[in-house]
Amino acid sequence: MTRSRVKEERIIGVLREQEAGGKTAEVCHRHGIGTATFYAWKAKFGGMEVSEAKRLKALEDENAKLKRLLADAILDASVLKDLLAEKW
């Protein structure tokens, strides 16, 4: 199951279910996820509330957008430098 298909509410619910005393293997089997996925979620979202997880996702999306914009700006600057170097 890819990350984009899983909502933060479900991730937090799975983590809380295990924290409430469920065995990790049983919780993973019940929700159809692998134990590696569970532990990756736990490392990233452990101890968070749903609103905090949503905010984290929004910040990650914004960060990715800004990285793309920066890469485009650097590429544009590089092209302009090359054009100016050819002219002189």
PDB file of N, CA and C in Angstrom:
ATOM      1  N   MET A   1       0.841  -1.165   0.000  1.00  0.00           N
ATOM      2  CA  MET A   1       0.000   0.000   0.000  1.00  0.00           C
ATOM      3  C   MET A   1       0.895   1.239   0.000  1.00  0.00           C
ATOM      4  N   THR A   2       0.703   2.095  -0.977  1.00  0.00           N
ATOM      5  CA  THR A   2       1.556   3.268  -1.076  1.00  0.00           C
ATOM      6  C   THR A   2       1.141   4.323  -0.071  1.00  0.00           C
ATOM      7  N   ARG A   3       2.058   5.179   0.272  1.00  0.00           N
ATOM      8  CA  ARG A   3       1.831   6.202   1.288  1.00  0.00           C
ATOM      9  C   ARG A   3       0.704   7.146   0.888  1.00  0.00           C
ATOM     10  N   SER A   4       0.612   7.464  -0.388  1.00  0.00           N
ATOM     11  CA  SER A   4      -0.388   8.430  -0.815  1.00  0.00           C
ATOM     12  C   SER A   4      -1.816   7.899  -0.673  1.00  0.00           C
ATOM     13  N   ARG A   5      -1.965   6.597  -0.561  1.00  0.00           N
ATOM     14  CA  ARG A   5      -3.298   6.023  -0.458  1.00  0.00           C
ATOM     15  C   ARG A   5      -3.781   5.874   0.979  1.00  0.00           C
ATOM     16  N   VAL A   6      -2.929   6.125   1.935  1.00  0.00           N
ATOM     17  CA  VAL A   6      -3.287   5.917   3.333  1.00  0.00           C
ATOM     18  C   VAL A   6      -3.443   7.268   4.024  1.00  0.00           C
ATOM     19  N   LYS A   7      -4.588   7.472   4.628  1.00  0.00           N
ATOM     20  CA  LYS A   7      -4.860   8.725   5.320  1.00  0.00           C
ATOM     21  C   LYS A   7      -4.200   8.722   6.690  1.00  0.00           C
ATOM     22  N   GLU A   8      -3.927   9.917   7.169  1.00  0.00           N
ATOM     23  CA  GLU A   8      -3.275  10.062   8.466  1.00  0.00           C
ATOM     24  C   GLU A   8      -4.123   9.470   9.590  1.00  0.00           C
ATOM     25  N   GLU A   9      -5.443   9.576   9.464  1.00  0.00           N
ATOM     26  CA  GLU A   9      -6.330   9.043  10.499  1.00  0.00           C
ATOM     27  C   GLU A   9      -6.132   7.541  10.653  1.00  0.00           C
ATOM     28  N   ARG A  10      -5.999   6.856   9.511  1.00  0.00           N
ATOM     29  CA  ARG A  10      -5.825   5.397   9.564  1.00  0.00           C
ATOM     30  C   ARG A  10      -4.475   5.032  10.171  1.00  0.00           C
ATOM     31  N   ILE A  11      -3.440   5.763   9.792  1.00  0.00           N
ATOM     32  CA  ILE A  11      -2.106   5.481  10.327  1.00  0.00           C
ATOM     33  C   ILE A  11      -2.102   5.639  11.844  1.00  0.00           C
ATOM     34  N   ILE A  12      -2.651   6.745  12.327  1.00  0.00           N
ATOM     35  CA  ILE A  12      -2.691   7.000  13.769  1.00  0.00           C
ATOM     36  C   ILE A  12      -3.547   5.937  14.458  1.00  0.00           C
ATOM     37  N   GLY A  13      -4.647   5.535  13.821  1.00  0.00           N
ATOM     38  CA  GLY A  13      -5.500   4.490  14.392  1.00  0.00           C
ATOM     39  C   GLY A  13      -4.779   3.164  14.545  1.00  0.00           C
ATOM     40  N   VAL A  14      -4.019   2.787  13.531  1.00  0.00           N
ATOM     41  CA  VAL A  14      -3.256   1.529  13.590  1.00  0.00           C
ATOM     42  C   VAL A  14      -2.215   1.600  14.701  1.00  0.00           C
ATOM     43  N   LEU A  15      -1.524   2.718  14.799  1.00  0.00           N
ATOM     44  CA  LEU A  15      -0.505   2.865  15.843  1.00  0.00           C
ATOM     45  C   LEU A  15      -1.118   2.820  17.238  1.00  0.00           C
ATOM     46  N   ARG A  16      -2.250   3.472  17.399  1.00  0.00           N
ATOM     47  CA  ARG A  16      -2.914   3.470  18.715  1.00  0.00           C
ATOM     48  C   ARG A  16      -3.417   2.090  19.083  1.00  0.00           C
ATOM     49  N   GLU A  17      -3.900   1.358  18.080  1.00  0.00           N
ATOM     50  CA  GLU A  17      -4.387   0.001  18.336  1.00  0.00           C
ATOM     51  C   GLU A  17      -3.265  -0.874  18.889  1.00  0.00           C
ATOM     52  N   GLN A  18      -2.075  -0.743  18.333  1.00  0.00           N
ATOM     53  CA  GLN A  18      -0.944  -1.523  18.818  1.00  0.00           C
ATOM     54  C   GLN A  18      -0.514  -1.033  20.198  1.00  0.00           C
ATOM     55  N   GLU A  19      -0.536   0.285  20.413  1.00  0.00           N
ATOM     56  CA  GLU A  19      -0.151   0.836  21.715  1.00  0.00           C
ATOM     57  C   GLU A  19      -1.113   0.409  22.812  1.00  0.00           C
ATOM     58  N   ALA A  20      -2.369   0.127  22.456  1.00  0.00           N
ATOM     59  CA  ALA A  20      -3.381  -0.266  23.435  1.00  0.00           C
ATOM     60  C   ALA A  20      -3.213  -1.711  23.880  1.00  0.00           C
ATOM     61  N   GLY A  21      -2.232  -2.394  23.332  1.00  0.00           N
ATOM     62  CA  GLY A  21      -1.978  -3.748  23.800  1.00  0.00           C
ATOM     63  C   GLY A  21      -2.051  -4.813  22.735  1.00  0.00           C
ATOM     64  N   GLY A  22      -2.348  -4.443  21.505  1.00  0.00           N
ATOM     65  CA  GLY A  22      -2.393  -5.438  20.440  1.00  0.00           C
ATOM     66  C   GLY A  22      -0.997  -5.840  20.009  1.00  0.00           C
ATOM     67  N   LYS A  23      -0.867  -7.089  19.611  1.00  0.00           N
ATOM     68  CA  LYS A  23       0.428  -7.551  19.108  1.00  0.00           C
ATOM     69  C   LYS A  23       0.652  -6.949  17.724  1.00  0.00           C
ATOM     70  N   THR A  24       1.878  -6.572  17.473  1.00  0.00           N
ATOM     71  CA  THR A  24       2.209  -5.899  16.219  1.00  0.00           C
ATOM     72  C   THR A  24       1.848  -6.750  15.011  1.00  0.00           C
ATOM     73  N   ALA A  25       2.196  -8.020  15.032  1.00  0.00           N
ATOM     74  CA  ALA A  25       1.914  -8.906  13.899  1.00  0.00           C
ATOM     75  C   ALA A  25       0.417  -9.024  13.643  1.00  0.00           C
ATOM     76  N   GLU A  26      -0.378  -9.130  14.709  1.00  0.00           N
ATOM     77  CA  GLU A  26      -1.831  -9.246  14.554  1.00  0.00           C
ATOM     78  C   GLU A  26      -2.435  -7.971  14.002  1.00  0.00           C
ATOM     79  N   VAL A  27      -1.983  -6.829  14.499  1.00  0.00           N
ATOM     80  CA  VAL A  27      -2.494  -5.540  14.029  1.00  0.00           C
ATOM     81  C   VAL A  27      -2.152  -5.357  12.551  1.00  0.00           C
ATOM     82  N   CYS A  28      -0.926  -5.699  12.182  1.00  0.00           N
ATOM     83  CA  CYS A  28      -0.502  -5.573  10.784  1.00  0.00           C
ATOM     84  C   CYS A  28      -1.328  -6.477   9.879  1.00  0.00           C
ATOM     85  N   HIS A  29      -1.556  -7.707  10.315  1.00  0.00           N
ATOM     86  CA  HIS A  29      -2.341  -8.648   9.516  1.00  0.00           C
ATOM     87  C   HIS A  29      -3.773  -8.158   9.359  1.00  0.00           C
ATOM     88  N   ARG A  30      -4.354  -7.658  10.429  1.00  0.00           N
ATOM     89  CA  ARG A  30      -5.740  -7.178  10.411  1.00  0.00           C
ATOM     90  C   ARG A  30      -5.911  -6.010   9.445  1.00  0.00           C
ATOM     91  N   HIS A  31      -4.915  -5.162   9.336  1.00  0.00           N
ATOM     92  CA  HIS A  31      -5.025  -3.968   8.489  1.00  0.00           C
ATOM     93  C   HIS A  31      -4.360  -4.155   7.127  1.00  0.00           C
ATOM     94  N   GLY A  32      -3.763  -5.308   6.899  1.00  0.00           N
ATOM     95  CA  GLY A  32      -3.184  -5.593   5.596  1.00  0.00           C
ATOM     96  C   GLY A  32      -1.921  -4.819   5.284  1.00  0.00           C
ATOM     97  N   ILE A  33      -1.098  -4.605   6.305  1.00  0.00           N
ATOM     98  CA  ILE A  33       0.169  -3.909   6.093  1.00  0.00           C
ATOM     99  C   ILE A  33       1.310  -4.803   6.567  1.00  0.00           C
ATOM    100  N   GLY A  34       2.497  -4.523   6.116  1.00  0.00           N
ATOM    101  CA  GLY A  34       3.667  -5.278   6.552  1.00  0.00           C
ATOM    102  C   GLY A  34       4.224  -4.700   7.841  1.00  0.00           C
ATOM    103  N   THR A  35       4.996  -5.496   8.538  1.00  0.00           N
ATOM    104  CA  THR A  35       5.575  -5.008   9.787  1.00  0.00           C
ATOM    105  C   THR A  35       6.579  -3.893   9.520  1.00  0.00           C
ATOM    106  N   ALA A  36       7.273  -3.961   8.382  1.00  0.00           N
ATOM    107  CA  ALA A  36       8.216  -2.883   8.037  1.00  0.00           C
ATOM    108  C   ALA A  36       7.473  -1.567   7.853  1.00  0.00           C
ATOM    109  N   THR A  37       6.310  -1.627   7.216  1.00  0.00           N
ATOM    110  CA  THR A  37       5.486  -0.429   7.042  1.00  0.00           C
ATOM    111  C   THR A  37       5.029   0.099   8.393  1.00  0.00           C
ATOM    112  N   PHE A  38       4.596  -0.811   9.249  1.00  0.00           N
ATOM    113  CA  PHE A  38       4.148  -0.397  10.580  1.00  0.00           C
ATOM    114  C   PHE A  38       5.255   0.339  11.325  1.00  0.00           C
ATOM    115  N   TYR A  39       6.469  -0.226  11.328  1.00  0.00           N
ATOM    116  CA  TYR A  39       7.560   0.403  12.064  1.00  0.00           C
ATOM    117  C   TYR A  39       8.009   1.710  11.410  1.00  0.00           C
ATOM    118  N   ALA A  40       7.881   1.813  10.092  1.00  0.00           N
ATOM    119  CA  ALA A  40       8.188   3.083   9.420  1.00  0.00           C
ATOM    120  C   ALA A  40       7.173   4.145   9.839  1.00  0.00           C
ATOM    121  N   TRP A  41       5.895   3.756   9.899  1.00  0.00           N
ATOM    122  CA  TRP A  41       4.861   4.687  10.365  1.00  0.00           C
ATOM    123  C   TRP A  41       5.114   5.084  11.809  1.00  0.00           C
ATOM    124  N   LYS A  42       5.491   4.112  12.622  1.00  0.00           N
ATOM    125  CA  LYS A  42       5.729   4.385  14.037  1.00  0.00           C
ATOM    126  C   LYS A  42       6.890   5.357  14.208  1.00  0.00           C
ATOM    127  N   ALA A  43       7.934   5.201  13.403  1.00  0.00           N
ATOM    128  CA  ALA A  43       9.079   6.114  13.484  1.00  0.00           C
ATOM    129  C   ALA A  43       8.687   7.520  13.062  1.00  0.00           C
ATOM    130  N   LYS A  44       7.801   7.621  12.098  1.00  0.00           N
ATOM    131  CA  LYS A  44       7.435   8.931  11.570  1.00  0.00           C
ATOM    132  C   LYS A  44       6.291   9.578  12.348  1.00  0.00           C
ATOM    133  N   PHE A  45       5.271   8.804  12.699  1.00  0.00           N
ATOM    134  CA  PHE A  45       4.054   9.359  13.294  1.00  0.00           C
ATOM    135  C   PHE A  45       3.836   8.971  14.749  1.00  0.00           C
ATOM    136  N   GLY A  46       4.753   8.224  15.353  1.00  0.00           N
ATOM    137  CA  GLY A  46       4.568   7.763  16.724  1.00  0.00           C
ATOM    138  C   GLY A  46       4.376   8.916  17.694  1.00  0.00           C
ATOM    139  N   GLY A  47       3.328   8.859  18.487  1.00  0.00           N
ATOM    140  CA  GLY A  47       3.056   9.873  19.492  1.00  0.00           C
ATOM    141  C   GLY A  47       2.349  11.108  18.973  1.00  0.00           C
ATOM    142  N   MET A  48       1.994  11.132  17.702  1.00  0.00           N
ATOM    143  CA  MET A  48       1.321  12.304  17.130  1.00  0.00           C
ATOM    144  C   MET A  48      -0.186  12.158  17.206  1.00  0.00           C
ATOM    145  N   GLU A  49      -0.832  13.299  17.186  1.00  0.00           N
ATOM    146  CA  GLU A  49      -2.281  13.352  17.023  1.00  0.00           C
ATOM    147  C   GLU A  49      -2.569  13.459  15.525  1.00  0.00           C
ATOM    148  N   VAL A  50      -3.817  13.251  15.142  1.00  0.00           N
ATOM    149  CA  VAL A  50      -4.192  13.301  13.735  1.00  0.00           C
ATOM    150  C   VAL A  50      -3.914  14.685  13.151  1.00  0.00           C
ATOM    151  N   SER A  51      -4.223  15.737  13.893  1.00  0.00           N
ATOM    152  CA  SER A  51      -4.006  17.089  13.381  1.00  0.00           C
ATOM    153  C   SER A  51      -2.520  17.365  13.157  1.00  0.00           C
ATOM    154  N   GLU A  52      -1.679  16.847  14.031  1.00  0.00           N
ATOM    155  CA  GLU A  52      -0.235  17.023  13.864  1.00  0.00           C
ATOM    156  C   GLU A  52       0.261  16.274  12.635  1.00  0.00           C
ATOM    157  N   ALA A  53      -0.264  15.078  12.405  1.00  0.00           N
ATOM    158  CA  ALA A  53       0.134  14.285  11.241  1.00  0.00           C
ATOM    159  C   ALA A  53      -0.299  14.975   9.950  1.00  0.00           C
ATOM    160  N   LYS A  54      -1.489  15.559   9.957  1.00  0.00           N
ATOM    161  CA  LYS A  54      -1.949  16.288   8.775  1.00  0.00           C
ATOM    162  C   LYS A  54      -1.066  17.502   8.514  1.00  0.00           C
ATOM    163  N   ARG A  55      -0.679  18.201   9.564  1.00  0.00           N
ATOM    164  CA  ARG A  55       0.199  19.363   9.418  1.00  0.00           C
ATOM    165  C   ARG A  55       1.565  18.941   8.875  1.00  0.00           C
ATOM    166  N   LEU A  56       2.079  17.821   9.355  1.00  0.00           N
ATOM    167  CA  LEU A  56       3.344  17.297   8.863  1.00  0.00           C
ATOM    168  C   LEU A  56       3.253  17.002   7.370  1.00  0.00           C
ATOM    169  N   LYS A  57       2.177  16.375   6.939  1.00  0.00           N
ATOM    170  CA  LYS A  57       1.978  16.066   5.524  1.00  0.00           C
ATOM    171  C   LYS A  57       1.916  17.339   4.699  1.00  0.00           C
ATOM    172  N   ALA A  58       1.214  18.351   5.194  1.00  0.00           N
ATOM    173  CA  ALA A  58       1.117  19.618   4.474  1.00  0.00           C
ATOM    174  C   ALA A  58       2.491  20.279   4.351  1.00  0.00           C
ATOM    175  N   LEU A  59       3.271  20.235   5.417  1.00  0.00           N
ATOM    176  CA  LEU A  59       4.612  20.814   5.375  1.00  0.00           C
ATOM    177  C   LEU A  59       5.521  20.053   4.407  1.00  0.00           C
ATOM    178  N   GLU A  60       5.400  18.728   4.366  1.00  0.00           N
ATOM    179  CA  GLU A  60       6.192  17.939   3.432  1.00  0.00           C
ATOM    180  C   GLU A  60       5.832  18.283   1.988  1.00  0.00           C
ATOM    181  N   ASP A  61       4.545  18.452   1.713  1.00  0.00           N
ATOM    182  CA  ASP A  61       4.109  18.823   0.367  1.00  0.00           C
ATOM    183  C   ASP A  61       4.639  20.204  -0.024  1.00  0.00           C
ATOM    184  N   GLU A  62       4.550  21.145   0.912  1.00  0.00           N
ATOM    185  CA  GLU A  62       5.050  22.490   0.651  1.00  0.00           C
ATOM    186  C   GLU A  62       6.561  22.474   0.419  1.00  0.00           C
ATOM    187  N   ASN A  63       7.277  21.698   1.212  1.00  0.00           N
ATOM    188  CA  ASN A  63       8.725  21.593   1.069  1.00  0.00           C
ATOM    189  C   ASN A  63       9.096  21.020  -0.302  1.00  0.00           C
ATOM    190  N   ALA A  64       8.377  20.007  -0.753  1.00  0.00           N
ATOM    191  CA  ALA A  64       8.643  19.423  -2.070  1.00  0.00           C
ATOM    192  C   ALA A  64       8.413  20.451  -3.175  1.00  0.00           C
ATOM    193  N   LYS A  65       7.348  21.232  -3.038  1.00  0.00           N
ATOM    194  CA  LYS A  65       7.056  22.276  -4.030  1.00  0.00           C
ATOM    195  C   LYS A  65       8.175  23.314  -4.070  1.00  0.00           C
ATOM    196  N   LEU A  66       8.634  23.734  -2.906  1.00  0.00           N
ATOM    197  CA  LEU A  66       9.708  24.726  -2.849  1.00  0.00           C
ATOM    198  C   LEU A  66      11.013  24.180  -3.419  1.00  0.00           C
ATOM    199  N   LYS A  67      11.290  22.918  -3.181  1.00  0.00           N
ATOM    200  CA  LYS A  67      12.493  22.304  -3.748  1.00  0.00           C
ATOM    201  C   LYS A  67      12.433  22.294  -5.271  1.00  0.00           C
ATOM    202  N   ARG A  68      11.256  21.989  -5.834  1.00  0.00           N
ATOM    203  CA  ARG A  68      11.104  22.010  -7.293  1.00  0.00           C
ATOM    204  C   ARG A  68      11.313  23.416  -7.837  1.00  0.00           C
ATOM    205  N   LEU A  69      10.738  24.422  -7.150  1.00  0.00           N
ATOM    206  CA  LEU A  69      10.913  25.803  -7.583  1.00  0.00           C
ATOM    207  C   LEU A  69      12.376  26.221  -7.539  1.00  0.00           C
ATOM    208  N   LEU A  70      13.083  25.840  -6.496  1.00  0.00           N
ATOM    209  CA  LEU A  70      14.501  26.166  -6.383  1.00  0.00           C
ATOM    210  C   LEU A  70      15.303  25.495  -7.491  1.00  0.00           C
ATOM    211  N   ALA A  71      15.008  24.247  -7.780  1.00  0.00           N
ATOM    212  CA  ALA A  71      15.713  23.539  -8.842  1.00  0.00           C
ATOM    213  C   ALA A  71      15.485  24.224 -10.186  1.00  0.00           C
ATOM    214  N   ASP A  72      14.254  24.667 -10.443  1.00  0.00           N
ATOM    215  CA  ASP A  72      13.961  25.382 -11.685  1.00  0.00           C
ATOM    216  C   ASP A  72      14.720  26.706 -11.757  1.00  0.00           C
ATOM    217  N   ALA A  73      14.783  27.423 -10.654  1.00  0.00           N
ATOM    218  CA  ALA A  73      15.496  28.702 -10.625  1.00  0.00           C
ATOM    219  C   ALA A  73      16.986  28.503 -10.859  1.00  0.00           C
ATOM    220  N   ILE A  74      17.560  27.470 -10.270  1.00  0.00           N
ATOM    221  CA  ILE A  74      18.980  27.186 -10.461  1.00  0.00           C
ATOM    222  C   ILE A  74      19.250  26.813 -11.914  1.00  0.00           C
ATOM    223  N   LEU A  75      18.354  26.032 -12.506  1.00  0.00           N
ATOM    224  CA  LEU A  75      18.500  25.650 -13.908  1.00  0.00           C
ATOM    225  C   LEU A  75      18.427  26.880 -14.812  1.00  0.00           C
ATOM    226  N   ASP A  76      17.476  27.763 -14.557  1.00  0.00           N
ATOM    227  CA  ASP A  76      17.351  28.992 -15.347  1.00  0.00           C
ATOM    228  C   ASP A  76      18.618  29.839 -15.235  1.00  0.00           C
ATOM    229  N   ALA A  77      19.141  29.989 -14.038  1.00  0.00           N
ATOM    230  CA  ALA A  77      20.359  30.775 -13.836  1.00  0.00           C
ATOM    231  C   ALA A  77      21.530  30.158 -14.578  1.00  0.00           C
ATOM    232  N   SER A  78      21.618  28.853 -14.579  1.00  0.00           N
ATOM    233  CA  SER A  78      22.701  28.154 -15.272  1.00  0.00           C
ATOM    234  C   SER A  78      22.615  28.389 -16.778  1.00  0.00           C
ATOM    235  N   VAL A  79      21.415  28.307 -17.311  1.00  0.00           N
ATOM    236  CA  VAL A  79      21.223  28.533 -18.743  1.00  0.00           C
ATOM    237  C   VAL A  79      21.598  29.965 -19.112  1.00  0.00           C
ATOM    238  N   LEU A  80      21.187  30.922 -18.312  1.00  0.00           N
ATOM    239  CA  LEU A  80      21.524  32.319 -18.580  1.00  0.00           C
ATOM    240  C   LEU A  80      23.030  32.550 -18.529  1.00  0.00           C
ATOM    241  N   LYS A  81      23.711  31.938 -17.573  1.00  0.00           N
ATOM    242  CA  LYS A  81      25.169  32.076 -17.489  1.00  0.00           C
ATOM    243  C   LYS A  81      25.837  31.505 -18.735  1.00  0.00           C
ATOM    244  N   ASP A  82      25.347  30.351 -19.197  1.00  0.00           N
ATOM    245  CA  ASP A  82      25.909  29.744 -20.400  1.00  0.00           C
ATOM    246  C   ASP A  82      25.703  30.641 -21.620  1.00  0.00           C
ATOM    247  N   LEU A  83      24.531  31.230 -21.737  1.00  0.00           N
ATOM    248  CA  LEU A  83      24.255  32.121 -22.859  1.00  0.00           C
ATOM    249  C   LEU A  83      25.149  33.367 -22.820  1.00  0.00           C
ATOM    250  N   LEU A  84      25.336  33.925 -21.638  1.00  0.00           N
ATOM    251  CA  LEU A  84      26.182  35.094 -21.511  1.00  0.00           C
ATOM    252  C   LEU A  84      27.647  34.750 -21.797  1.00  0.00           C
ATOM    253  N   ALA A  85      28.081  33.586 -21.409  1.00  0.00           N
ATOM    254  CA  ALA A  85      29.454  33.177 -21.651  1.00  0.00           C
ATOM    255  C   ALA A  85      29.706  32.987 -23.151  1.00  0.00           C
ATOM    256  N   GLU A  86      28.715  32.464 -23.869  1.00  0.00           N
ATOM    257  CA  GLU A  86      28.855  32.286 -25.315  1.00  0.00           C
ATOM    258  C   GLU A  86      28.916  33.633 -26.032  1.00  0.00           C
ATOM    259  N   LYS A  87      28.173  34.594 -25.531  1.00  0.00           N
ATOM    260  CA  LYS A  87      28.105  35.909 -26.167  1.00  0.00           C
ATOM    261  C   LYS A  87      29.435  36.643 -26.054  1.00  0.00           C
ATOM    262  N   TRP A  88      30.112  36.513 -24.959  1.00  0.00           N
ATOM    263  CA  TRP A  88      31.375  37.237 -24.739  1.00  0.00           C
ATOM    264  C   TRP A  88      32.497  36.373 -25.170  1.00  0.00           C
TER     265      TRP A  88
END
